[in-house]
Amino acid sequence: MSRSAAIHRVTSETDIRLGLLLEGTGKAEIATGIGFLDHMLSAFARHSLFDLAVSAKGDLEIDAHHTTEDVGIVLGQALKEAVGEKRGIRRFGQALVPMDEALVEAAIDLSGRPHLSWSITFPAEHLGGMETELFKEFFSAFAMNAALTLHLSARAGENAHHIAEAAFKALARGLRMAVEADPRIGDAIPSTKGRL
């Protein structure tokens, strides 16, 4: 089984091409024009073992908001397309990831019901020129467009870089678990409703 998606989204603010392969090796080819976001998406690919290619051109002369949010939108759309009907998957995933003094938990349900619960604060307003408030925008756009429930919470952390990186790695590890095949259910959809 090879689950993948390729999305091209163009607006007056951004032009984004994204390729996603769930049965990958963690290969990342990322160019968003935002160095710190590239770093986070590369970490996401490595720890999810998804292959991820992102090429984004946005109105960075204004700020990083539109590009960051729109990359989240497109990544969510790609995940939704790649998992398809969700037959035979585990559906739920979670990860608790330490990054030095930071500790971030992600809990995921590929439910078809978009929701983000966000319990993360950052001790700095910027990371590498990127506003830390944009991380919530990214994860919200991702969850809404992937149609999944995502709870992200920081249990500890003093360094903004460590908190952000732990959040992306926790998402990656949780998704890796959620999209995995569950050999006990075969080709069934993991819901009493018969669909997700």
C-alpha atoms as a PDB file:
ATOM      1  CA  MET A   1       0.000   0.000   0.000  1.00  0.00           C
ATOM      2  CA  SER A   2       1.368   3.391  -0.984  1.00  0.00           C
ATOM      3  CA  ARG A   3      -0.692   6.308   0.296  1.00  0.00           C
ATOM      4  CA  SER A   4       0.255   9.663  -1.124  1.00  0.00           C
ATOM      5  CA  ALA A   5      -1.052  13.066  -2.190  1.00  0.00           C
ATOM      6  CA  ALA A   6       0.134  15.988  -4.263  1.00  0.00           C
ATOM      7  CA  ILE A   7      -1.496  19.382  -3.743  1.00  0.00           C
ATOM      8  CA  HIS A   8      -0.971  22.681  -5.540  1.00  0.00           C
ATOM      9  CA  ARG A   9      -2.716  25.657  -3.951  1.00  0.00           C
ATOM     10  CA  VAL A  10      -2.537  29.177  -5.357  1.00  0.00           C
ATOM     11  CA  THR A  11      -4.010  32.314  -3.797  1.00  0.00           C
ATOM     12  CA  SER A  12      -3.238  36.000  -4.164  1.00  0.00           C
ATOM     13  CA  GLU A  13      -0.924  35.585  -1.140  1.00  0.00           C
ATOM     14  CA  THR A  14       0.798  32.221  -1.630  1.00  0.00           C
ATOM     15  CA  ASP A  15       1.712  29.569  -4.200  1.00  0.00           C
ATOM     16  CA  ILE A  16       2.337  26.203  -2.546  1.00  0.00           C
ATOM     17  CA  ARG A  17       3.192  22.795  -3.966  1.00  0.00           C
ATOM     18  CA  LEU A  18       3.285  19.897  -1.522  1.00  0.00           C
ATOM     19  CA  GLY A  19       3.879  16.173  -1.926  1.00  0.00           C
ATOM     20  CA  LEU A  20       3.293  13.665   0.861  1.00  0.00           C
ATOM     21  CA  LEU A  21       4.019   9.924   0.995  1.00  0.00           C
ATOM     22  CA  LEU A  22       2.912   8.154   4.160  1.00  0.00           C
ATOM     23  CA  GLU A  23       4.965   5.018   3.461  1.00  0.00           C
ATOM     24  CA  GLY A  24       8.190   6.994   3.266  1.00  0.00           C
ATOM     25  CA  THR A  25      11.543   7.079   5.004  1.00  0.00           C
ATOM     26  CA  GLY A  26      11.438  10.595   6.459  1.00  0.00           C
ATOM     27  CA  LYS A  27      12.912  12.334   3.419  1.00  0.00           C
ATOM     28  CA  ALA A  28      12.293  16.091   3.388  1.00  0.00           C
ATOM     29  CA  GLU A  29      12.693  18.673   0.647  1.00  0.00           C
ATOM     30  CA  ILE A  30      11.417  21.879   2.211  1.00  0.00           C
ATOM     31  CA  ALA A  31      11.629  25.448   0.907  1.00  0.00           C
ATOM     32  CA  THR A  32       9.071  27.842   2.388  1.00  0.00           C
ATOM     33  CA  GLY A  33      11.259  30.931   2.588  1.00  0.00           C
ATOM     34  CA  ILE A  34      10.934  30.765   6.393  1.00  0.00           C
ATOM     35  CA  GLY A  35      14.031  29.125   7.808  1.00  0.00           C
ATOM     36  CA  PHE A  36      12.599  28.063  11.141  1.00  0.00           C
ATOM     37  CA  LEU A  37       9.462  26.602   9.550  1.00  0.00           C
ATOM     38  CA  ASP A  38      11.662  24.636   7.140  1.00  0.00           C
ATOM     39  CA  HIS A  39      13.542  23.248  10.138  1.00  0.00           C
ATOM     40  CA  MET A  40      10.304  22.214  11.875  1.00  0.00           C
ATOM     41  CA  LEU A  41       8.841  20.561   8.765  1.00  0.00           C
ATOM     42  CA  SER A  42      12.080  18.652   8.226  1.00  0.00           C
ATOM     43  CA  ALA A  43      11.876  17.379  11.817  1.00  0.00           C
ATOM     44  CA  PHE A  44       8.217  16.476  11.242  1.00  0.00           C
ATOM     45  CA  ALA A  45       9.115  14.400   8.168  1.00  0.00           C
ATOM     46  CA  ARG A  46      12.012  12.653   9.897  1.00  0.00           C
ATOM     47  CA  HIS A  47       9.992  11.598  12.929  1.00  0.00           C
ATOM     48  CA  SER A  48       6.781  10.666  11.115  1.00  0.00           C
ATOM     49  CA  LEU A  49       8.745   8.721   8.492  1.00  0.00           C
ATOM     50  CA  PHE A  50       6.595  10.467   5.884  1.00  0.00           C
ATOM     51  CA  ASP A  51       8.327  11.756   2.768  1.00  0.00           C
ATOM     52  CA  LEU A  52       7.480  15.434   2.473  1.00  0.00           C
ATOM     53  CA  ALA A  53       8.240  17.933  -0.269  1.00  0.00           C
ATOM     54  CA  VAL A  54       7.133  21.545   0.162  1.00  0.00           C
ATOM     55  CA  SER A  55       7.795  24.481  -2.136  1.00  0.00           C
ATOM     56  CA  ALA A  56       6.130  27.702  -1.009  1.00  0.00           C
ATOM     57  CA  LYS A  57       6.261  31.233  -2.318  1.00  0.00           C
ATOM     58  CA  GLY A  58       4.441  33.763  -0.200  1.00  0.00           C
ATOM     59  CA  ASP A  59       4.175  37.435   0.598  1.00  0.00           C
ATOM     60  CA  LEU A  60       7.038  37.356   3.080  1.00  0.00           C
ATOM     61  CA  GLU A  61       7.666  41.030   2.447  1.00  0.00           C
ATOM     62  CA  ILE A  62       4.548  41.537   4.595  1.00  0.00           C
ATOM     63  CA  ASP A  63       5.174  38.831   7.189  1.00  0.00           C
ATOM     64  CA  ALA A  64       5.222  35.050   7.599  1.00  0.00           C
ATOM     65  CA  HIS A  65       1.558  34.654   8.537  1.00  0.00           C
ATOM     66  CA  HIS A  66       0.006  33.764   5.174  1.00  0.00           C
ATOM     67  CA  THR A  67       2.774  31.359   4.205  1.00  0.00           C
ATOM     68  CA  THR A  68       2.774  29.572   7.561  1.00  0.00           C
ATOM     69  CA  GLU A  69      -1.001  29.200   7.691  1.00  0.00           C
ATOM     70  CA  ASP A  70      -1.289  28.136   4.061  1.00  0.00           C
ATOM     71  CA  VAL A  71       1.414  25.484   4.420  1.00  0.00           C
ATOM     72  CA  GLY A  72      -0.643  24.117   7.341  1.00  0.00           C
ATOM     73  CA  ILE A  73      -3.751  24.121   5.135  1.00  0.00           C
ATOM     74  CA  VAL A  74      -2.045  22.256   2.300  1.00  0.00           C
ATOM     75  CA  LEU A  75      -0.347  19.726   4.592  1.00  0.00           C
ATOM     76  CA  GLY A  76      -3.731  19.012   6.183  1.00  0.00           C
ATOM     77  CA  GLN A  77      -5.381  18.574   2.779  1.00  0.00           C
ATOM     78  CA  ALA A  78      -2.601  16.227   1.693  1.00  0.00           C
ATOM     79  CA  LEU A  79      -2.884  14.084   4.823  1.00  0.00           C
ATOM     80  CA  LYS A  80      -6.656  13.831   4.429  1.00  0.00           C
ATOM     81  CA  GLU A  81      -6.291  12.746   0.814  1.00  0.00           C
ATOM     82  CA  ALA A  82      -3.472  10.294   1.547  1.00  0.00           C
ATOM     83  CA  VAL A  83      -5.319   8.414   4.323  1.00  0.00           C
ATOM     84  CA  GLY A  84      -8.463   8.169   2.199  1.00  0.00           C
ATOM     85  CA  GLU A  85     -11.294   6.151   3.747  1.00  0.00           C
ATOM     86  CA  LYS A  86      -9.043   5.235   6.695  1.00  0.00           C
ATOM     87  CA  ARG A  87      -9.652   1.525   6.277  1.00  0.00           C
ATOM     88  CA  GLY A  88      -7.444  -0.678   8.408  1.00  0.00           C
ATOM     89  CA  ILE A  89      -5.658   2.102  10.303  1.00  0.00           C
ATOM     90  CA  ARG A  90      -5.181   2.545  14.021  1.00  0.00           C
ATOM     91  CA  ARG A  91      -6.985   5.937  13.893  1.00  0.00           C
ATOM     92  CA  PHE A  92      -5.694   7.159  17.268  1.00  0.00           C
ATOM     93  CA  GLY A  93      -2.144   8.202  17.999  1.00  0.00           C
ATOM     94  CA  GLN A  94      -0.283   9.917  20.774  1.00  0.00           C
ATOM     95  CA  ALA A  95       3.235  10.905  21.672  1.00  0.00           C
ATOM     96  CA  LEU A  96       4.953  12.549  24.593  1.00  0.00           C
ATOM     97  CA  VAL A  97       8.198  14.066  23.344  1.00  0.00           C
ATOM     98  CA  PRO A  98      10.980  15.551  25.461  1.00  0.00           C
ATOM     99  CA  MET A  99      13.374  18.114  24.023  1.00  0.00           C
ATOM    100  CA  ASP A 100      15.812  18.863  26.807  1.00  0.00           C
ATOM    101  CA  GLU A 101      13.762  20.763  29.441  1.00  0.00           C
ATOM    102  CA  ALA A 102      10.655  20.915  27.199  1.00  0.00           C
ATOM    103  CA  LEU A 103       7.995  18.205  27.182  1.00  0.00           C
ATOM    104  CA  VAL A 104       5.111  18.309  24.698  1.00  0.00           C
ATOM    105  CA  GLU A 105       2.232  15.894  24.266  1.00  0.00           C
ATOM    106  CA  ALA A 106       0.190  15.314  21.111  1.00  0.00           C
ATOM    107  CA  ALA A 107      -2.999  13.259  21.034  1.00  0.00           C
ATOM    108  CA  ILE A 108      -4.657  12.627  17.677  1.00  0.00           C
ATOM    109  CA  ASP A 109      -7.903  11.142  16.421  1.00  0.00           C
ATOM    110  CA  LEU A 110      -8.384  10.835  12.658  1.00  0.00           C
ATOM    111  CA  SER A 111     -12.066  11.315  13.371  1.00  0.00           C
ATOM    112  CA  GLY A 112     -13.233  13.414  10.450  1.00  0.00           C
ATOM    113  CA  ARG A 113     -14.152  16.065  13.027  1.00  0.00           C
ATOM    114  CA  PRO A 114     -11.689  18.977  12.932  1.00  0.00           C
ATOM    115  CA  HIS A 115     -10.656  20.372  16.281  1.00  0.00           C
ATOM    116  CA  LEU A 116      -7.532  21.848  17.849  1.00  0.00           C
ATOM    117  CA  SER A 117      -7.041  22.028  21.596  1.00  0.00           C
ATOM    118  CA  TRP A 118      -3.968  24.206  22.229  1.00  0.00           C
ATOM    119  CA  SER A 119      -2.201  24.446  25.585  1.00  0.00           C
ATOM    120  CA  ILE A 120       1.188  25.816  24.595  1.00  0.00           C
ATOM    121  CA  THR A 121       2.738  29.158  25.446  1.00  0.00           C
ATOM    122  CA  PHE A 122       6.109  30.412  24.313  1.00  0.00           C
ATOM    123  CA  PRO A 123       8.542  32.409  26.457  1.00  0.00           C
ATOM    124  CA  ALA A 124       9.738  34.344  23.393  1.00  0.00           C
ATOM    125  CA  GLU A 125       7.806  36.236  20.714  1.00  0.00           C
ATOM    126  CA  HIS A 126      10.122  35.288  17.844  1.00  0.00           C
ATOM    127  CA  LEU A 127      12.177  32.310  16.709  1.00  0.00           C
ATOM    128  CA  GLY A 128      14.580  32.925  13.849  1.00  0.00           C
ATOM    129  CA  GLY A 129      12.528  35.907  12.746  1.00  0.00           C
ATOM    130  CA  MET A 130       9.256  33.951  12.884  1.00  0.00           C
ATOM    131  CA  GLU A 131       6.561  34.989  15.355  1.00  0.00           C
ATOM    132  CA  THR A 132       5.821  32.169  17.790  1.00  0.00           C
ATOM    133  CA  GLU A 133       2.079  32.965  17.690  1.00  0.00           C
ATOM    134  CA  LEU A 134       2.123  31.572  14.133  1.00  0.00           C
ATOM    135  CA  PHE A 135       2.602  28.019  15.401  1.00  0.00           C
ATOM    136  CA  LYS A 136      -0.970  27.926  16.668  1.00  0.00           C
ATOM    137  CA  GLU A 137      -2.110  29.195  13.255  1.00  0.00           C
ATOM    138  CA  PHE A 138      -0.161  26.407  11.544  1.00  0.00           C
ATOM    139  CA  PHE A 139      -1.488  23.612  13.747  1.00  0.00           C
ATOM    140  CA  SER A 140      -5.048  24.955  13.575  1.00  0.00           C
ATOM    141  CA  ALA A 141      -4.960  25.156   9.773  1.00  0.00           C
ATOM    142  CA  PHE A 142      -3.506  21.654   9.642  1.00  0.00           C
ATOM    143  CA  ALA A 143      -6.120  20.114  11.969  1.00  0.00           C
ATOM    144  CA  MET A 144      -9.054  21.827  10.240  1.00  0.00           C
ATOM    145  CA  ASN A 145      -7.980  20.739   6.769  1.00  0.00           C
ATOM    146  CA  ALA A 146      -6.923  17.233   7.761  1.00  0.00           C
ATOM    147  CA  ALA A 147     -10.309  16.871   9.529  1.00  0.00           C
ATOM    148  CA  LEU A 148      -8.717  15.443  12.650  1.00  0.00           C
ATOM    149  CA  THR A 149      -8.861  16.118  16.350  1.00  0.00           C
ATOM    150  CA  LEU A 150      -5.535  17.342  17.714  1.00  0.00           C
ATOM    151  CA  HIS A 151      -4.661  18.093  21.323  1.00  0.00           C
ATOM    152  CA  LEU A 152      -1.271  19.720  21.851  1.00  0.00           C
ATOM    153  CA  SER A 153      -0.040  20.611  25.307  1.00  0.00           C
ATOM    154  CA  ALA A 154       3.291  21.620  26.757  1.00  0.00           C
ATOM    155  CA  ARG A 155       3.870  19.989  30.114  1.00  0.00           C
ATOM    156  CA  ALA A 156       7.192  21.752  30.608  1.00  0.00           C
ATOM    157  CA  GLY A 157       9.545  24.084  28.806  1.00  0.00           C
ATOM    158  CA  GLU A 158      11.610  27.240  29.167  1.00  0.00           C
ATOM    159  CA  ASN A 159      13.229  27.458  25.724  1.00  0.00           C
ATOM    160  CA  ALA A 160      10.905  28.470  22.849  1.00  0.00           C
ATOM    161  CA  HIS A 161      12.933  26.560  20.249  1.00  0.00           C
ATOM    162  CA  HIS A 162      12.729  23.362  22.283  1.00  0.00           C
ATOM    163  CA  ILE A 163       8.974  23.764  22.850  1.00  0.00           C
ATOM    164  CA  ALA A 164       8.257  24.306  19.145  1.00  0.00           C
ATOM    165  CA  GLU A 165      10.455  21.425  18.048  1.00  0.00           C
ATOM    166  CA  ALA A 166       8.941  19.066  20.611  1.00  0.00           C
ATOM    167  CA  ALA A 167       5.462  20.024  19.335  1.00  0.00           C
ATOM    168  CA  PHE A 168       6.301  19.180  15.721  1.00  0.00           C
ATOM    169  CA  LYS A 169       8.002  15.929  16.731  1.00  0.00           C
ATOM    170  CA  ALA A 170       5.060  14.948  18.944  1.00  0.00           C
ATOM    171  CA  LEU A 171       2.664  15.587  16.065  1.00  0.00           C
ATOM    172  CA  ALA A 172       4.884  13.504  13.803  1.00  0.00           C
ATOM    173  CA  ARG A 173       5.106  10.561  16.185  1.00  0.00           C
ATOM    174  CA  GLY A 174       1.390  10.655  16.955  1.00  0.00           C
ATOM    175  CA  LEU A 175       0.442  10.730  13.281  1.00  0.00           C
ATOM    176  CA  ARG A 176       2.846   7.929  12.486  1.00  0.00           C
ATOM    177  CA  MET A 177       0.971   5.792  14.995  1.00  0.00           C
ATOM    178  CA  ALA A 178      -2.499   6.899  13.878  1.00  0.00           C
ATOM    179  CA  VAL A 179      -2.028   6.145  10.166  1.00  0.00           C
ATOM    180  CA  GLU A 180      -0.339   2.771  10.707  1.00  0.00           C
ATOM    181  CA  ALA A 181      -2.112  -0.356   9.589  1.00  0.00           C
ATOM    182  CA  ASP A 182      -3.758  -2.287  12.409  1.00  0.00           C
ATOM    183  CA  PRO A 183      -3.457  -5.967  11.453  1.00  0.00           C
ATOM    184  CA  ARG A 184      -6.238  -6.963  13.858  1.00  0.00           C
ATOM    185  CA  ILE A 185      -8.964  -5.045  12.010  1.00  0.00           C
ATOM    186  CA  GLY A 186      -7.986  -5.930   8.456  1.00  0.00           C
ATOM    187  CA  ASP A 187      -9.779  -3.689   5.953  1.00  0.00           C
ATOM    188  CA  ALA A 188     -12.408  -2.381   8.367  1.00  0.00           C
ATOM    189  CA  ILE A 189     -12.987   1.268   9.153  1.00  0.00           C
ATOM    190  CA  PRO A 190     -12.125   1.850  12.858  1.00  0.00           C
ATOM    191  CA  SER A 191     -15.496   3.275  13.874  1.00  0.00           C
ATOM    192  CA  THR A 192     -18.825   1.882  15.056  1.00  0.00           C
ATOM    193  CA  LYS A 193     -20.431   4.292  12.573  1.00  0.00           C
ATOM    194  CA  GLY A 194     -18.867   2.523   9.620  1.00  0.00           C
ATOM    195  CA  ARG A 195     -17.223   5.694   8.318  1.00  0.00           C
ATOM    196  CA  LEU A 196     -14.872   8.434   9.459  1.00  0.00           C
END
